[in-house]
Amino acid sequence: MQSEERVEAIRALLSKQLNPSILEIEDDSAAHAGHKSAGGAGHFNIKLASSQFEDKTLIQQHRLVYAALDEMMESDIHALSIQVVT
């Protein structure tokens, strides 16, 4: 999957699962080129806000994001930085 396709797939999954009011996705893979452990998967920075995060701890919020992206975590996402906006 190409970089732009990965970003759009991440956007689609997060939009479907979390209905975010803010969603910014940055593909930071180029800064990590050559990392053998990445195996071709990408590095992404995500900033988002969702009403589903209300009354949840930071760990619970991050778990919601990881659950939404579960199908991409093994093949398309190597590293994920999550910034939750409340």
PDB file of N, CA and C in Angstrom:
ATOM      1  N   MET A   1       0.852  -1.176   0.000  1.00  0.00           N
ATOM      2  CA  MET A   1       0.000   0.000   0.000  1.00  0.00           C
ATOM      3  C   MET A   1       0.897   1.238   0.000  1.00  0.00           C
ATOM      4  N   GLN A   2       0.600   2.192  -0.842  1.00  0.00           N
ATOM      5  CA  GLN A   2       1.380   3.423  -0.945  1.00  0.00           C
ATOM      6  C   GLN A   2       1.038   4.372   0.199  1.00  0.00           C
ATOM      7  N   SER A   3       1.896   5.347   0.417  1.00  0.00           N
ATOM      8  CA  SER A   3       1.764   6.293   1.518  1.00  0.00           C
ATOM      9  C   SER A   3       0.403   6.987   1.547  1.00  0.00           C
ATOM     10  N   GLU A   4      -0.002   7.553   0.412  1.00  0.00           N
ATOM     11  CA  GLU A   4      -1.283   8.266   0.363  1.00  0.00           C
ATOM     12  C   GLU A   4      -2.450   7.320   0.629  1.00  0.00           C
ATOM     13  N   GLU A   5      -2.335   6.100   0.150  1.00  0.00           N
ATOM     14  CA  GLU A   5      -3.390   5.107   0.384  1.00  0.00           C
ATOM     15  C   GLU A   5      -3.480   4.760   1.869  1.00  0.00           C
ATOM     16  N   ARG A   6      -2.321   4.661   2.515  1.00  0.00           N
ATOM     17  CA  ARG A   6      -2.315   4.366   3.948  1.00  0.00           C
ATOM     18  C   ARG A   6      -2.978   5.483   4.736  1.00  0.00           C
ATOM     19  N   VAL A   7      -2.648   6.720   4.404  1.00  0.00           N
ATOM     20  CA  VAL A   7      -3.241   7.864   5.106  1.00  0.00           C
ATOM     21  C   VAL A   7      -4.753   7.856   4.920  1.00  0.00           C
ATOM     22  N   GLU A   8      -5.214   7.619   3.708  1.00  0.00           N
ATOM     23  CA  GLU A   8      -6.659   7.596   3.453  1.00  0.00           C
ATOM     24  C   GLU A   8      -7.332   6.411   4.144  1.00  0.00           C
ATOM     25  N   ALA A   9      -6.663   5.277   4.217  1.00  0.00           N
ATOM     26  CA  ALA A   9      -7.225   4.119   4.925  1.00  0.00           C
ATOM     27  C   ALA A   9      -7.318   4.413   6.421  1.00  0.00           C
ATOM     28  N   ILE A  10      -6.292   5.044   6.983  1.00  0.00           N
ATOM     29  CA  ILE A  10      -6.326   5.435   8.399  1.00  0.00           C
ATOM     30  C   ILE A  10      -7.473   6.409   8.630  1.00  0.00           C
ATOM     31  N   ARG A  11      -7.593   7.401   7.757  1.00  0.00           N
ATOM     32  CA  ARG A  11      -8.671   8.396   7.872  1.00  0.00           C
ATOM     33  C   ARG A  11     -10.043   7.722   7.836  1.00  0.00           C
ATOM     34  N   ALA A  12     -10.220   6.793   6.922  1.00  0.00           N
ATOM     35  CA  ALA A  12     -11.511   6.115   6.778  1.00  0.00           C
ATOM     36  C   ALA A  12     -11.851   5.295   8.022  1.00  0.00           C
ATOM     37  N   LEU A  13     -10.883   4.549   8.534  1.00  0.00           N
ATOM     38  CA  LEU A  13     -11.144   3.715   9.706  1.00  0.00           C
ATOM     39  C   LEU A  13     -11.436   4.556  10.946  1.00  0.00           C
ATOM     40  N   LEU A  14     -10.640   5.593  11.165  1.00  0.00           N
ATOM     41  CA  LEU A  14     -10.876   6.440  12.335  1.00  0.00           C
ATOM     42  C   LEU A  14     -12.188   7.201  12.218  1.00  0.00           C
ATOM     43  N   SER A  15     -12.511   7.659  11.017  1.00  0.00           N
ATOM     44  CA  SER A  15     -13.775   8.373  10.815  1.00  0.00           C
ATOM     45  C   SER A  15     -14.966   7.462  11.077  1.00  0.00           C
ATOM     46  N   LYS A  16     -14.871   6.240  10.600  1.00  0.00           N
ATOM     47  CA  LYS A  16     -15.969   5.281  10.772  1.00  0.00           C
ATOM     48  C   LYS A  16     -16.152   4.901  12.241  1.00  0.00           C
ATOM     49  N   GLN A  17     -15.053   4.621  12.932  1.00  0.00           N
ATOM     50  CA  GLN A  17     -15.130   4.107  14.300  1.00  0.00           C
ATOM     51  C   GLN A  17     -15.300   5.188  15.362  1.00  0.00           C
ATOM     52  N   LEU A  18     -14.661   6.343  15.160  1.00  0.00           N
ATOM     53  CA  LEU A  18     -14.621   7.345  16.227  1.00  0.00           C
ATOM     54  C   LEU A  18     -15.320   8.651  15.887  1.00  0.00           C
ATOM     55  N   ASN A  19     -15.717   8.832  14.630  1.00  0.00           N
ATOM     56  CA  ASN A  19     -16.399  10.049  14.205  1.00  0.00           C
ATOM     57  C   ASN A  19     -15.722  11.295  14.780  1.00  0.00           C
ATOM     58  N   PRO A  20     -14.455  11.503  14.484  1.00  0.00           N
ATOM     59  CA  PRO A  20     -13.709  12.595  15.105  1.00  0.00           C
ATOM     60  C   PRO A  20     -14.152  13.979  14.612  1.00  0.00           C
ATOM     61  N   SER A  21     -14.110  14.946  15.523  1.00  0.00           N
ATOM     62  CA  SER A  21     -14.377  16.332  15.142  1.00  0.00           C
ATOM     63  C   SER A  21     -13.096  16.993  14.636  1.00  0.00           C
ATOM     64  N   ILE A  22     -11.960  16.461  15.038  1.00  0.00           N
ATOM     65  CA  ILE A  22     -10.652  16.885  14.542  1.00  0.00           C
ATOM     66  C   ILE A  22      -9.901  15.622  14.148  1.00  0.00           C
ATOM     67  N   LEU A  23      -9.311  15.627  12.966  1.00  0.00           N
ATOM     68  CA  LEU A  23      -8.500  14.498  12.535  1.00  0.00           C
ATOM     69  C   LEU A  23      -7.403  14.988  11.609  1.00  0.00           C
ATOM     70  N   GLU A  24      -6.179  14.920  12.092  1.00  0.00           N
ATOM     71  CA  GLU A  24      -5.010  15.283  11.297  1.00  0.00           C
ATOM     72  C   GLU A  24      -4.078  14.077  11.277  1.00  0.00           C
ATOM     73  N   ILE A  25      -3.611  13.716  10.105  1.00  0.00           N
ATOM     74  CA  ILE A  25      -2.732  12.565   9.947  1.00  0.00           C
ATOM     75  C   ILE A  25      -1.490  13.003   9.192  1.00  0.00           C
ATOM     76  N   GLU A  26      -0.339  12.741   9.772  1.00  0.00           N
ATOM     77  CA  GLU A  26       0.931  13.063   9.130  1.00  0.00           C
ATOM     78  C   GLU A  26       1.701  11.767   8.910  1.00  0.00           C
ATOM     79  N   ASP A  27       2.101  11.537   7.681  1.00  0.00           N
ATOM     80  CA  ASP A  27       2.933  10.388   7.352  1.00  0.00           C
ATOM     81  C   ASP A  27       4.381  10.803   7.566  1.00  0.00           C
ATOM     82  N   ASP A  28       5.006  10.250   8.581  1.00  0.00           N
ATOM     83  CA  ASP A  28       6.378  10.584   8.956  1.00  0.00           C
ATOM     84  C   ASP A  28       7.348   9.481   8.528  1.00  0.00           C
ATOM     85  N   SER A  29       6.934   8.634   7.614  1.00  0.00           N
ATOM     86  CA  SER A  29       7.725   7.471   7.212  1.00  0.00           C
ATOM     87  C   SER A  29       9.064   7.839   6.593  1.00  0.00           C
ATOM     88  N   ALA A  30       9.113   8.918   5.837  1.00  0.00           N
ATOM     89  CA  ALA A  30      10.354   9.300   5.161  1.00  0.00           C
ATOM     90  C   ALA A  30      11.473   9.579   6.159  1.00  0.00           C
ATOM     91  N   ALA A  31      11.123  10.073   7.332  1.00  0.00           N
ATOM     92  CA  ALA A  31      12.129  10.370   8.358  1.00  0.00           C
ATOM     93  C   ALA A  31      12.699   9.095   8.972  1.00  0.00           C
ATOM     94  N   HIS A  32      12.060   7.972   8.704  1.00  0.00           N
ATOM     95  CA  HIS A  32      12.490   6.701   9.284  1.00  0.00           C
ATOM     96  C   HIS A  32      12.902   5.690   8.214  1.00  0.00           C
ATOM     97  N   ALA A  33      13.165   6.165   7.036  1.00  0.00           N
ATOM     98  CA  ALA A  33      13.555   5.287   5.927  1.00  0.00           C
ATOM     99  C   ALA A  33      14.797   4.484   6.307  1.00  0.00           C
ATOM    100  N   GLY A  34      14.772   3.231   5.968  1.00  0.00           N
ATOM    101  CA  GLY A  34      15.921   2.373   6.244  1.00  0.00           C
ATOM    102  C   GLY A  34      15.833   1.607   7.551  1.00  0.00           C
ATOM    103  N   HIS A  35      14.812   1.865   8.341  1.00  0.00           N
ATOM    104  CA  HIS A  35      14.653   1.094   9.579  1.00  0.00           C
ATOM    105  C   HIS A  35      14.239  -0.331   9.216  1.00  0.00           C
ATOM    106  N   LYS A  36      15.124  -1.260   9.427  1.00  0.00           N
ATOM    107  CA  LYS A  36      14.856  -2.648   9.041  1.00  0.00           C
ATOM    108  C   LYS A  36      13.658  -3.231   9.767  1.00  0.00           C
ATOM    109  N   SER A  37      13.453  -2.825  11.013  1.00  0.00           N
ATOM    110  CA  SER A  37      12.352  -3.399  11.796  1.00  0.00           C
ATOM    111  C   SER A  37      10.987  -2.958  11.291  1.00  0.00           C
ATOM    112  N   ALA A  38      10.934  -1.888  10.499  1.00  0.00           N
ATOM    113  CA  ALA A  38       9.649  -1.405   9.998  1.00  0.00           C
ATOM    114  C   ALA A  38       9.066  -2.336   8.941  1.00  0.00           C
ATOM    115  N   GLY A  39       9.908  -3.059   8.225  1.00  0.00           N
ATOM    116  CA  GLY A  39       9.418  -4.013   7.238  1.00  0.00           C
ATOM    117  C   GLY A  39       8.538  -3.407   6.167  1.00  0.00           C
ATOM    118  N   GLY A  40       8.745  -2.134   5.834  1.00  0.00           N
ATOM    119  CA  GLY A  40       7.946  -1.481   4.803  1.00  0.00           C
ATOM    120  C   GLY A  40       6.699  -0.796   5.321  1.00  0.00           C
ATOM    121  N   ALA A  41       6.371  -0.981   6.585  1.00  0.00           N
ATOM    122  CA  ALA A  41       5.205  -0.319   7.172  1.00  0.00           C
ATOM    123  C   ALA A  41       5.576   1.118   7.528  1.00  0.00           C
ATOM    124  N   GLY A  42       4.560   1.966   7.719  1.00  0.00           N
ATOM    125  CA  GLY A  42       4.791   3.387   7.896  1.00  0.00           C
ATOM    126  C   GLY A  42       4.777   3.878   9.338  1.00  0.00           C
ATOM    127  N   HIS A  43       5.269   5.106   9.485  1.00  0.00           N
ATOM    128  CA  HIS A  43       5.266   5.839  10.751  1.00  0.00           C
ATOM    129  C   HIS A  43       4.271   6.990  10.598  1.00  0.00           C
ATOM    130  N   PHE A  44       3.349   7.121  11.536  1.00  0.00           N
ATOM    131  CA  PHE A  44       2.308   8.134  11.413  1.00  0.00           C
ATOM    132  C   PHE A  44       2.116   8.892  12.715  1.00  0.00           C
ATOM    133  N   ASN A  45       1.806  10.185  12.572  1.00  0.00           N
ATOM    134  CA  ASN A  45       1.423  11.034  13.692  1.00  0.00           C
ATOM    135  C   ASN A  45      -0.050  11.373  13.494  1.00  0.00           C
ATOM    136  N   ILE A  46      -0.838  11.143  14.534  1.00  0.00           N
ATOM    137  CA  ILE A  46      -2.275  11.381  14.442  1.00  0.00           C
ATOM    138  C   ILE A  46      -2.689  12.328  15.561  1.00  0.00           C
ATOM    139  N   LYS A  47      -3.466  13.334  15.194  1.00  0.00           N
ATOM    140  CA  LYS A  47      -4.050  14.259  16.161  1.00  0.00           C
ATOM    141  C   LYS A  47      -5.557  14.182  15.960  1.00  0.00           C
ATOM    142  N   LEU A  48      -6.300  13.906  17.030  1.00  0.00           N
ATOM    143  CA  LEU A  48      -7.738  13.775  16.867  1.00  0.00           C
ATOM    144  C   LEU A  48      -8.503  14.108  18.134  1.00  0.00           C
ATOM    145  N   ALA A  49      -9.761  14.466  17.922  1.00  0.00           N
ATOM    146  CA  ALA A  49     -10.712  14.704  19.001  1.00  0.00           C
ATOM    147  C   ALA A  49     -11.981  13.938  18.655  1.00  0.00           C
ATOM    148  N   SER A  50     -12.578  13.334  19.664  1.00  0.00           N
ATOM    149  CA  SER A  50     -13.810  12.575  19.458  1.00  0.00           C
ATOM    150  C   SER A  50     -14.629  12.612  20.737  1.00  0.00           C
ATOM    151  N   SER A  51     -15.921  12.683  20.591  1.00  0.00           N
ATOM    152  CA  SER A  51     -16.790  12.648  21.769  1.00  0.00           C
ATOM    153  C   SER A  51     -16.680  11.304  22.487  1.00  0.00           C
ATOM    154  N   GLN A  52     -16.221  10.284  21.789  1.00  0.00           N
ATOM    155  CA  GLN A  52     -16.049   8.966  22.411  1.00  0.00           C
ATOM    156  C   GLN A  52     -14.910   8.948  23.430  1.00  0.00           C
ATOM    157  N   PHE A  53     -14.073   9.987  23.429  1.00  0.00           N
ATOM    158  CA  PHE A  53     -12.975  10.065  24.379  1.00  0.00           C
ATOM    159  C   PHE A  53     -13.392  10.646  25.722  1.00  0.00           C
ATOM    160  N   GLU A  54     -14.574  11.228  25.779  1.00  0.00           N
ATOM    161  CA  GLU A  54     -15.041  11.858  27.016  1.00  0.00           C
ATOM    162  C   GLU A  54     -15.094  10.840  28.151  1.00  0.00           C
ATOM    163  N   ASP A  55     -14.645  11.288  29.316  1.00  0.00           N
ATOM    164  CA  ASP A  55     -14.654  10.469  30.537  1.00  0.00           C
ATOM    165  C   ASP A  55     -13.802   9.208  30.427  1.00  0.00           C
ATOM    166  N   LYS A  56     -12.827   9.221  29.531  1.00  0.00           N
ATOM    167  CA  LYS A  56     -11.923   8.079  29.392  1.00  0.00           C
ATOM    168  C   LYS A  56     -10.502   8.529  29.735  1.00  0.00           C
ATOM    169  N   THR A  57      -9.726   7.598  30.282  1.00  0.00           N
ATOM    170  CA  THR A  57      -8.326   7.893  30.564  1.00  0.00           C
ATOM    171  C   THR A  57      -7.561   7.944  29.239  1.00  0.00           C
ATOM    172  N   LEU A  58      -6.355   8.466  29.287  1.00  0.00           N
ATOM    173  CA  LEU A  58      -5.517   8.535  28.090  1.00  0.00           C
ATOM    174  C   LEU A  58      -5.278   7.137  27.517  1.00  0.00           C
ATOM    175  N   ILE A  59      -5.049   6.173  28.374  1.00  0.00           N
ATOM    176  CA  ILE A  59      -4.834   4.798  27.908  1.00  0.00           C
ATOM    177  C   ILE A  59      -6.086   4.265  27.219  1.00  0.00           C
ATOM    178  N   GLN A  60      -7.248   4.523  27.776  1.00  0.00           N
ATOM    179  CA  GLN A  60      -8.492   4.074  27.156  1.00  0.00           C
ATOM    180  C   GLN A  60      -8.706   4.758  25.800  1.00  0.00           C
ATOM    181  N   GLN A  61      -8.355   6.038  25.705  1.00  0.00           N
ATOM    182  CA  GLN A  61      -8.480   6.759  24.441  1.00  0.00           C
ATOM    183  C   GLN A  61      -7.566   6.145  23.382  1.00  0.00           C
ATOM    184  N   HIS A  62      -6.335   5.865  23.776  1.00  0.00           N
ATOM    185  CA  HIS A  62      -5.384   5.270  22.832  1.00  0.00           C
ATOM    186  C   HIS A  62      -5.829   3.872  22.416  1.00  0.00           C
ATOM    187  N   ARG A  63      -6.402   3.136  23.334  1.00  0.00           N
ATOM    188  CA  ARG A  63      -6.905   1.795  22.994  1.00  0.00           C
ATOM    189  C   ARG A  63      -8.015   1.871  21.950  1.00  0.00           C
ATOM    190  N   LEU A  64      -8.859   2.895  22.035  1.00  0.00           N
ATOM    191  CA  LEU A  64      -9.909   3.079  21.034  1.00  0.00           C
ATOM    192  C   LEU A  64      -9.298   3.323  19.654  1.00  0.00           C
ATOM    193  N   VAL A  65      -8.237   4.127  19.607  1.00  0.00           N
ATOM    194  CA  VAL A  65      -7.568   4.404  18.338  1.00  0.00           C
ATOM    195  C   VAL A  65      -6.940   3.121  17.790  1.00  0.00           C
ATOM    196  N   TYR A  66      -6.217   2.404  18.640  1.00  0.00           N
ATOM    197  CA  TYR A  66      -5.589   1.154  18.188  1.00  0.00           C
ATOM    198  C   TYR A  66      -6.633   0.127  17.746  1.00  0.00           C
ATOM    199  N   ALA A  67      -7.756   0.062  18.438  1.00  0.00           N
ATOM    200  CA  ALA A  67      -8.813  -0.874  18.049  1.00  0.00           C
ATOM    201  C   ALA A  67      -9.370  -0.505  16.675  1.00  0.00           C
ATOM    202  N   ALA A  68      -9.528   0.792  16.415  1.00  0.00           N
ATOM    203  CA  ALA A  68     -10.048   1.237  15.122  1.00  0.00           C
ATOM    204  C   ALA A  68      -9.081   0.906  13.989  1.00  0.00           C
ATOM    205  N   LEU A  69      -7.783   0.920  14.289  1.00  0.00           N
ATOM    206  CA  LEU A  69      -6.765   0.685  13.264  1.00  0.00           C
ATOM    207  C   LEU A  69      -6.216  -0.740  13.276  1.00  0.00           C
ATOM    208  N   ASP A  70      -6.836  -1.605  14.023  1.00  0.00           N
ATOM    209  CA  ASP A  70      -6.333  -2.964  14.234  1.00  0.00           C
ATOM    210  C   ASP A  70      -5.938  -3.672  12.944  1.00  0.00           C
ATOM    211  N   GLU A  71      -6.770  -3.589  11.926  1.00  0.00           N
ATOM    212  CA  GLU A  71      -6.488  -4.324  10.682  1.00  0.00           C
ATOM    213  C   GLU A  71      -5.243  -3.814   9.962  1.00  0.00           C
ATOM    214  N   MET A  72      -4.798  -2.595  10.278  1.00  0.00           N
ATOM    215  CA  MET A  72      -3.610  -2.030   9.623  1.00  0.00           C
ATOM    216  C   MET A  72      -2.343  -2.177  10.459  1.00  0.00           C
ATOM    217  N   MET A  73      -2.475  -2.515  11.727  1.00  0.00           N
ATOM    218  CA  MET A  73      -1.327  -2.495  12.624  1.00  0.00           C
ATOM    219  C   MET A  73      -0.271  -3.543  12.284  1.00  0.00           C
ATOM    220  N   GLU A  74      -0.653  -4.664  11.762  1.00  0.00           N
ATOM    221  CA  GLU A  74       0.319  -5.721  11.485  1.00  0.00           C
ATOM    222  C   GLU A  74       1.045  -5.545  10.154  1.00  0.00           C
ATOM    223  N   SER A  75       0.427  -4.834   9.219  1.00  0.00           N
ATOM    224  CA  SER A  75       1.035  -4.770   7.890  1.00  0.00           C
ATOM    225  C   SER A  75       1.369  -3.363   7.408  1.00  0.00           C
ATOM    226  N   ASP A  76       0.599  -2.375   7.810  1.00  0.00           N
ATOM    227  CA  ASP A  76       0.762  -1.044   7.228  1.00  0.00           C
ATOM    228  C   ASP A  76       1.273   0.026   8.189  1.00  0.00           C
ATOM    229  N   ILE A  77       1.137  -0.206   9.480  1.00  0.00           N
ATOM    230  CA  ILE A  77       1.573   0.779  10.473  1.00  0.00           C
ATOM    231  C   ILE A  77       2.634   0.151  11.356  1.00  0.00           C
ATOM    232  N   HIS A  78       3.821   0.763  11.351  1.00  0.00           N
ATOM    233  CA  HIS A  78       4.909   0.300  12.210  1.00  0.00           C
ATOM    234  C   HIS A  78       4.947   1.110  13.505  1.00  0.00           C
ATOM    235  N   ALA A  79       4.743   2.417  13.384  1.00  0.00           N
ATOM    236  CA  ALA A  79       4.795   3.301  14.548  1.00  0.00           C
ATOM    237  C   ALA A  79       3.664   4.309  14.454  1.00  0.00           C
ATOM    238  N   LEU A  80       3.082   4.618  15.617  1.00  0.00           N
ATOM    239  CA  LEU A  80       1.932   5.502  15.668  1.00  0.00           C
ATOM    240  C   LEU A  80       2.091   6.429  16.854  1.00  0.00           C
ATOM    241  N   SER A  81       2.076   7.722  16.585  1.00  0.00           N
ATOM    242  CA  SER A  81       2.086   8.725  17.643  1.00  0.00           C
ATOM    243  C   SER A  81       0.689   9.315  17.693  1.00  0.00           C
ATOM    244  N   ILE A  82       0.067   9.281  18.862  1.00  0.00           N
ATOM    245  CA  ILE A  82      -1.319   9.725  19.014  1.00  0.00           C
ATOM    246  C   ILE A  82      -1.379  10.936  19.923  1.00  0.00           C
ATOM    247  N   GLN A  83      -1.977  11.998  19.434  1.00  0.00           N
ATOM    248  CA  GLN A  83      -2.233  13.182  20.257  1.00  0.00           C
ATOM    249  C   GLN A  83      -3.752  13.359  20.318  1.00  0.00           C
ATOM    250  N   VAL A  84      -4.294  13.199  21.519  1.00  0.00           N
ATOM    251  CA  VAL A  84      -5.738  13.347  21.705  1.00  0.00           C
ATOM    252  C   VAL A  84      -6.018  14.780  22.164  1.00  0.00           C
ATOM    253  N   VAL A  85      -6.984  15.389  21.507  1.00  0.00           N
ATOM    254  CA  VAL A  85      -7.410  16.743  21.855  1.00  0.00           C
ATOM    255  C   VAL A  85      -8.765  16.631  22.532  1.00  0.00           C
ATOM    256  N   THR A  86      -8.876  17.236  23.707  1.00  0.00           N
ATOM    257  CA  THR A  86     -10.169  17.179  24.415  1.00  0.00           C
ATOM    258  C   THR A  86     -10.754  18.561  24.571  1.00  0.00           C
TER     259      THR A  86
END
